Amino acid sequence: IPDRNQLGERLIDDSFLLMVNARFEQVTFTFPAPEYGTRWRVVVDTAWPGGRDQHAHEPGDQIIQEGRSIRVFQRRN
C-alpha cells in the first residue's frame, strides 16, 4: 500500500486469495506464483464450514474445489 497513515507510518495489510467455483462439478485450482505469496492458509471454506483443510499451501500446489463453493486463503509469509 503506497499510502501512509496520519502519523506518516507505512500502511500494512493482509493479502487474501479467493477461489470461487460456480459450477456444480468439482474443479482444480492451482496456487499462484511465489511473488503473490509463498504460503497460504484457508480461513473460510463454504463447502466445509467446520474446517477440513488445515495445512499451508505453496505456489504451484493444486487443490480440488467442491462445486458451488468459495474458499478464502490468507497469505502467511
Protein backbone atom coordinates (compact mmCIF):
# COMPACT_ATOMS: atom_id res chain seq x y z
CA ILE A 1 0.00 0.00 0.00
CA PRO A 2 1.71 3.22 -1.08
CA ASP A 3 -0.24 5.49 1.29
CA ARG A 4 0.75 6.45 4.82
CA ASN A 5 -1.40 6.86 7.93
CA GLN A 6 -1.91 10.14 9.85
CA LEU A 7 1.43 9.65 11.62
CA GLY A 8 3.30 9.07 8.35
CA GLU A 9 3.78 5.36 9.04
CA ARG A 10 3.56 2.80 6.27
CA LEU A 11 0.19 1.01 6.00
CA ILE A 12 0.40 -2.78 6.16
CA ASP A 13 -2.47 -5.11 5.34
CA ASP A 14 -3.13 -8.81 4.85
CA SER A 15 -3.34 -10.42 1.41
CA PHE A 16 -6.11 -12.85 0.53
CA LEU A 17 -6.72 -15.30 -2.31
CA LEU A 18 -10.32 -16.07 -3.25
CA MET A 19 -11.25 -19.28 -5.09
CA VAL A 20 -14.81 -19.45 -6.40
CA ASN A 21 -16.36 -22.45 -8.11
CA ALA A 22 -19.79 -21.59 -9.51
CA ARG A 23 -20.09 -24.93 -11.32
CA PHE A 24 -21.88 -28.00 -9.97
CA GLU A 25 -18.79 -30.15 -10.63
CA GLN A 26 -15.51 -30.05 -8.76
CA VAL A 27 -12.69 -28.04 -10.35
CA THR A 28 -8.95 -27.96 -9.77
CA PHE A 29 -7.26 -24.70 -8.80
CA THR A 30 -3.52 -24.01 -8.86
CA PHE A 31 -1.92 -21.61 -6.36
CA PRO A 32 -0.23 -18.58 -7.93
CA ALA A 33 3.47 -17.86 -8.40
CA PRO A 34 5.69 -17.03 -5.38
CA GLU A 35 5.62 -13.27 -6.00
CA TYR A 36 2.00 -13.34 -4.80
CA GLY A 37 2.80 -15.33 -1.66
CA THR A 38 4.76 -18.41 -0.66
CA ARG A 39 2.35 -19.87 1.91
CA TRP A 40 -1.45 -19.75 2.03
CA ARG A 41 -3.89 -20.98 4.72
CA VAL A 42 -7.64 -21.35 4.36
CA VAL A 43 -9.70 -19.03 6.57
CA VAL A 44 -13.16 -19.60 5.02
CA ASP A 45 -14.48 -22.67 3.21
CA THR A 46 -18.19 -22.76 2.40
CA ALA A 47 -18.05 -26.45 1.44
CA TRP A 48 -16.60 -27.42 4.85
CA PRO A 49 -17.64 -24.74 7.39
CA GLY A 50 -16.13 -26.69 10.29
CA GLY A 51 -12.77 -26.74 8.55
CA ARG A 52 -11.11 -29.56 6.72
CA ASP A 53 -8.08 -28.04 5.04
CA GLN A 54 -5.69 -27.01 7.82
CA HIS A 55 -2.28 -27.22 6.16
CA ALA A 56 -0.47 -24.42 4.32
CA HIS A 57 -0.34 -24.40 0.53
CA GLU A 58 2.58 -23.25 -1.58
CA PRO A 59 2.90 -21.86 -5.13
CA GLY A 60 2.02 -24.46 -7.75
CA ASP A 61 0.04 -26.64 -5.32
CA GLN A 62 -3.21 -27.88 -6.80
CA ILE A 63 -6.43 -28.39 -4.84
CA ILE A 64 -9.86 -29.66 -5.74
CA GLN A 65 -12.64 -27.16 -5.10
CA GLU A 66 -16.09 -28.55 -4.39
CA GLY A 67 -18.97 -27.45 -6.61
CA ARG A 68 -20.84 -24.26 -5.71
CA SER A 69 -18.31 -23.23 -3.07
CA ILE A 70 -15.91 -20.47 -2.09
CA ARG A 71 -12.58 -20.64 -0.29
CA VAL A 72 -10.68 -17.70 1.11
CA PHE A 73 -6.97 -18.10 1.81
CA GLN A 74 -4.77 -15.71 3.80
CA ARG A 75 -1.14 -15.19 2.86
CA ARG A 76 1.14 -16.45 5.66
CA ASN A 77 4.58 -15.18 4.66
